[in-house]
Amino acid sequence: MAMNVEAEIRDLKRRVSELEGSFGFLTNPVKGVHRDLLAFQEKTEQHFAKVDGRLDRVEKGVKDLHHDMPGIVSEAMREVLRERDQTRK
């Protein structure tokens, strides 16, 4: 019975070594992919921060235009009506 346990232990040790070898082979490529993903994440976050800043400026411009639009239209209409009145005289 002791022989079977020892043989089983040797077999398990061999199988563990094979698994460790397989994982050791994968460790470096996985580390590289992980570093690349972290770099990509950082670049993406920087890009979105820039885009978000631009969108904030666009939103402010649209709000300003919305606020100024009645005055712009009124001034244009006054100018058109003045020109029309001048051409009628």
N, C-alpha and C. Protein backbone atom coordinates (compact mmCIF):
# COMPACT_ATOMS: atom_id res chain seq x y z
N MET A 1 0.80 -1.18 0.00
CA MET A 1 0.00 0.00 0.00
C MET A 1 0.86 1.26 0.00
N ALA A 2 1.98 1.24 0.70
CA ALA A 2 2.88 2.38 0.74
C ALA A 2 3.43 2.65 -0.64
N MET A 3 3.63 1.64 -1.45
CA MET A 3 4.17 1.80 -2.79
C MET A 3 3.17 2.56 -3.67
N ASN A 4 1.90 2.28 -3.51
CA ASN A 4 0.89 2.96 -4.31
C ASN A 4 0.81 4.44 -3.95
N VAL A 5 0.95 4.75 -2.67
CA VAL A 5 0.90 6.16 -2.25
C VAL A 5 2.11 6.89 -2.79
N GLU A 6 3.28 6.27 -2.70
CA GLU A 6 4.49 6.92 -3.22
C GLU A 6 4.41 7.11 -4.73
N ALA A 7 3.89 6.12 -5.42
CA ALA A 7 3.75 6.23 -6.87
C ALA A 7 2.74 7.33 -7.21
N GLU A 8 1.68 7.38 -6.45
CA GLU A 8 0.68 8.43 -6.67
C GLU A 8 1.28 9.81 -6.43
N ILE A 9 2.07 9.95 -5.37
CA ILE A 9 2.72 11.24 -5.08
C ILE A 9 3.66 11.62 -6.22
N ARG A 10 4.45 10.68 -6.72
CA ARG A 10 5.37 10.97 -7.84
C ARG A 10 4.57 11.39 -9.07
N ASP A 11 3.48 10.67 -9.33
CA ASP A 11 2.64 11.01 -10.47
C ASP A 11 2.06 12.42 -10.33
N LEU A 12 1.57 12.74 -9.13
CA LEU A 12 1.03 14.08 -8.90
C LEU A 12 2.10 15.16 -9.04
N LYS A 13 3.30 14.89 -8.53
CA LYS A 13 4.40 15.85 -8.67
C LYS A 13 4.74 16.07 -10.14
N ARG A 14 4.76 14.99 -10.91
CA ARG A 14 5.05 15.11 -12.34
C ARG A 14 3.98 15.94 -13.03
N ARG A 15 2.72 15.69 -12.71
CA ARG A 15 1.63 16.42 -13.34
C ARG A 15 1.65 17.90 -12.95
N VAL A 16 1.99 18.17 -11.69
CA VAL A 16 2.10 19.57 -11.24
C VAL A 16 3.24 20.25 -11.98
N SER A 17 4.35 19.58 -12.16
CA SER A 17 5.48 20.16 -12.90
C SER A 17 5.08 20.47 -14.33
N GLU A 18 4.34 19.58 -14.95
CA GLU A 18 3.88 19.83 -16.33
C GLU A 18 2.98 21.06 -16.38
N LEU A 19 2.07 21.16 -15.41
CA LEU A 19 1.18 22.32 -15.37
C LEU A 19 1.96 23.61 -15.12
N GLU A 20 2.92 23.55 -14.20
CA GLU A 20 3.74 24.74 -13.94
C GLU A 20 4.50 25.16 -15.18
N GLY A 21 4.99 24.19 -15.93
CA GLY A 21 5.69 24.50 -17.17
C GLY A 21 4.77 25.18 -18.18
N SER A 22 3.56 24.68 -18.27
CA SER A 22 2.59 25.28 -19.19
C SER A 22 2.27 26.71 -18.78
N PHE A 23 2.04 26.91 -17.50
CA PHE A 23 1.72 28.26 -17.03
C PHE A 23 2.93 29.18 -17.13
N GLY A 24 4.10 28.64 -16.89
CA GLY A 24 5.32 29.45 -17.02
C GLY A 24 5.49 29.95 -18.45
N PHE A 25 5.13 29.12 -19.40
CA PHE A 25 5.21 29.49 -20.81
C PHE A 25 4.24 30.63 -21.12
N LEU A 26 3.09 30.65 -20.46
CA LEU A 26 2.08 31.67 -20.71
C LEU A 26 2.28 32.95 -19.92
N THR A 27 3.06 32.91 -18.87
CA THR A 27 3.20 34.05 -17.97
C THR A 27 3.71 35.29 -18.69
N ASN A 28 4.79 35.19 -19.44
CA ASN A 28 5.35 36.37 -20.10
C ASN A 28 4.40 36.98 -21.15
N PRO A 29 3.80 36.17 -22.02
CA PRO A 29 2.85 36.79 -22.95
C PRO A 29 1.66 37.46 -22.25
N VAL A 30 1.17 36.84 -21.18
CA VAL A 30 0.05 37.44 -20.45
C VAL A 30 0.48 38.75 -19.79
N LYS A 31 1.68 38.80 -19.26
CA LYS A 31 2.19 40.04 -18.67
C LYS A 31 2.27 41.13 -19.73
N GLY A 32 2.75 40.77 -20.91
CA GLY A 32 2.84 41.74 -22.00
C GLY A 32 1.48 42.27 -22.41
N VAL A 33 0.52 41.38 -22.54
CA VAL A 33 -0.84 41.79 -22.91
C VAL A 33 -1.42 42.68 -21.81
N HIS A 34 -1.17 42.35 -20.58
CA HIS A 34 -1.68 43.15 -19.46
C HIS A 34 -1.09 44.56 -19.51
N ARG A 35 0.21 44.68 -19.74
CA ARG A 35 0.84 46.00 -19.85
C ARG A 35 0.24 46.79 -21.01
N ASP A 36 0.04 46.11 -22.14
CA ASP A 36 -0.55 46.78 -23.31
C ASP A 36 -1.97 47.27 -23.00
N LEU A 37 -2.74 46.45 -22.31
CA LEU A 37 -4.10 46.85 -21.95
C LEU A 37 -4.11 48.05 -21.00
N LEU A 38 -3.19 48.06 -20.05
CA LEU A 38 -3.11 49.20 -19.14
C LEU A 38 -2.74 50.48 -19.89
N ALA A 39 -1.80 50.37 -20.82
CA ALA A 39 -1.40 51.53 -21.63
C ALA A 39 -2.57 51.99 -22.49
N PHE A 40 -3.29 51.06 -23.09
CA PHE A 40 -4.45 51.40 -23.90
C PHE A 40 -5.52 52.08 -23.06
N GLN A 41 -5.74 51.57 -21.87
CA GLN A 41 -6.73 52.16 -20.97
C GLN A 41 -6.35 53.60 -20.64
N GLU A 42 -5.09 53.84 -20.35
CA GLU A 42 -4.64 55.20 -20.02
C GLU A 42 -4.82 56.14 -21.20
N LYS A 43 -4.44 55.69 -22.39
CA LYS A 43 -4.61 56.52 -23.58
C LYS A 43 -6.08 56.81 -23.84
N THR A 44 -6.92 55.80 -23.66
CA THR A 44 -8.36 55.98 -23.87
C THR A 44 -8.92 56.99 -22.88
N GLU A 45 -8.52 56.89 -21.62
CA GLU A 45 -9.01 57.84 -20.62
C GLU A 45 -8.56 59.25 -20.94
N GLN A 46 -7.31 59.42 -21.41
CA GLN A 46 -6.83 60.74 -21.79
C GLN A 46 -7.62 61.27 -22.98
N HIS A 47 -7.88 60.41 -23.96
CA HIS A 47 -8.63 60.81 -25.14
C HIS A 47 -10.03 61.27 -24.76
N PHE A 48 -10.70 60.48 -23.91
CA PHE A 48 -12.05 60.84 -23.52
C PHE A 48 -12.07 62.12 -22.68
N ALA A 49 -11.02 62.35 -21.89
CA ALA A 49 -10.95 63.60 -21.13
C ALA A 49 -10.87 64.79 -22.08
N LYS A 50 -10.09 64.65 -23.16
CA LYS A 50 -9.99 65.73 -24.15
C LYS A 50 -11.33 65.93 -24.85
N VAL A 51 -11.96 64.83 -25.25
CA VAL A 51 -13.25 64.92 -25.94
C VAL A 51 -14.29 65.54 -25.02
N ASP A 52 -14.27 65.15 -23.75
CA ASP A 52 -15.22 65.69 -22.80
C ASP A 52 -15.04 67.20 -22.65
N GLY A 53 -13.79 67.65 -22.63
CA GLY A 53 -13.52 69.08 -22.56
C GLY A 53 -14.04 69.81 -23.78
N ARG A 54 -13.86 69.20 -24.94
CA ARG A 54 -14.35 69.81 -26.18
C ARG A 54 -15.88 69.86 -26.18
N LEU A 55 -16.50 68.78 -25.73
CA LEU A 55 -17.96 68.76 -25.68
C LEU A 55 -18.50 69.83 -24.72
N ASP A 56 -17.78 70.04 -23.61
CA ASP A 56 -18.20 71.09 -22.68
C ASP A 56 -18.16 72.46 -23.36
N ARG A 57 -17.12 72.71 -24.15
CA ARG A 57 -17.01 73.99 -24.87
C ARG A 57 -18.12 74.12 -25.91
N VAL A 58 -18.41 73.04 -26.62
CA VAL A 58 -19.48 73.06 -27.62
C VAL A 58 -20.82 73.32 -26.93
N GLU A 59 -21.05 72.64 -25.83
CA GLU A 59 -22.30 72.84 -25.10
C GLU A 59 -22.45 74.28 -24.63
N LYS A 60 -21.36 74.87 -24.15
CA LYS A 60 -21.40 76.26 -23.72
C LYS A 60 -21.70 77.16 -24.91
N GLY A 61 -21.07 76.89 -26.06
CA GLY A 61 -21.32 77.68 -27.25
C GLY A 61 -22.77 77.60 -27.70
N VAL A 62 -23.35 76.41 -27.63
CA VAL A 62 -24.75 76.24 -28.02
C VAL A 62 -25.66 77.00 -27.05
N LYS A 63 -25.36 76.94 -25.76
CA LYS A 63 -26.17 77.67 -24.78
C LYS A 63 -26.07 79.18 -25.02
N ASP A 64 -24.84 79.65 -25.29
CA ASP A 64 -24.66 81.07 -25.58
C ASP A 64 -25.43 81.47 -26.83
N LEU A 65 -25.37 80.65 -27.86
CA LEU A 65 -26.09 80.94 -29.10
C LEU A 65 -27.60 80.94 -28.85
N HIS A 66 -28.07 79.99 -28.06
CA HIS A 66 -29.49 79.93 -27.72
C HIS A 66 -29.91 81.22 -27.01
N HIS A 67 -29.06 81.70 -26.15
CA HIS A 67 -29.34 82.94 -25.41
C HIS A 67 -29.31 84.15 -26.34
N ASP A 68 -28.36 84.19 -27.26
CA ASP A 68 -28.17 85.35 -28.14
C ASP A 68 -29.07 85.34 -29.37
N MET A 69 -29.64 84.20 -29.71
CA MET A 69 -30.39 84.07 -30.97
C MET A 69 -31.54 85.07 -31.11
N PRO A 70 -32.37 85.29 -30.09
CA PRO A 70 -33.45 86.27 -30.27
C PRO A 70 -32.92 87.65 -30.66
N GLY A 71 -31.85 88.09 -30.04
CA GLY A 71 -31.28 89.39 -30.38
C GLY A 71 -30.71 89.41 -31.79
N ILE A 72 -30.08 88.33 -32.21
CA ILE A 72 -29.52 88.25 -33.56
C ILE A 72 -30.63 88.32 -34.59
N VAL A 73 -31.69 87.57 -34.38
CA VAL A 73 -32.80 87.55 -35.33
C VAL A 73 -33.50 88.92 -35.35
N SER A 74 -33.70 89.50 -34.16
CA SER A 74 -34.34 90.82 -34.09
C SER A 74 -33.53 91.86 -34.84
N GLU A 75 -32.24 91.88 -34.64
CA GLU A 75 -31.38 92.85 -35.31
C GLU A 75 -31.40 92.64 -36.83
N ALA A 76 -31.39 91.39 -37.27
CA ALA A 76 -31.44 91.11 -38.71
C ALA A 76 -32.77 91.56 -39.30
N MET A 77 -33.85 91.32 -38.60
CA MET A 77 -35.16 91.74 -39.09
C MET A 77 -35.27 93.26 -39.15
N ARG A 78 -34.76 93.96 -38.13
CA ARG A 78 -34.77 95.43 -38.15
C ARG A 78 -34.00 95.96 -39.36
N GLU A 79 -32.83 95.33 -39.61
CA GLU A 79 -32.01 95.76 -40.73
C GLU A 79 -32.74 95.53 -42.07
N VAL A 80 -33.38 94.38 -42.21
CA VAL A 80 -34.12 94.08 -43.44
C VAL A 80 -35.27 95.08 -43.61
N LEU A 81 -36.00 95.35 -42.54
CA LEU A 81 -37.12 96.28 -42.63
C LEU A 81 -36.65 97.70 -42.94
N ARG A 82 -35.51 98.12 -42.36
CA ARG A 82 -34.95 99.44 -42.66
C ARG A 82 -34.60 99.54 -44.14
N GLU A 83 -33.92 98.49 -44.64
CA GLU A 83 -33.54 98.50 -46.06
C GLU A 83 -34.78 98.52 -46.96
N ARG A 84 -35.81 97.78 -46.58
CA ARG A 84 -37.03 97.75 -47.36
C ARG A 84 -37.71 99.13 -47.37
N ASP A 85 -37.72 99.77 -46.19
CA ASP A 85 -38.33 101.11 -46.11
C ASP A 85 -37.54 102.11 -46.92
N GLN A 86 -36.22 101.98 -46.95
CA GLN A 86 -35.39 102.92 -47.71
C GLN A 86 -35.59 102.74 -49.21
N THR A 87 -35.79 101.52 -49.66
CA THR A 87 -35.97 101.30 -51.08
C THR A 87 -37.35 101.74 -51.56
N ARG A 88 -38.33 101.80 -50.66
CA ARG A 88 -39.67 102.25 -51.01
C ARG A 88 -39.74 103.77 -51.18
N LYS A 89 -38.86 104.49 -50.53
CA LYS A 89 -38.93 105.95 -50.58
C LYS A 89 -38.42 106.52 -51.84
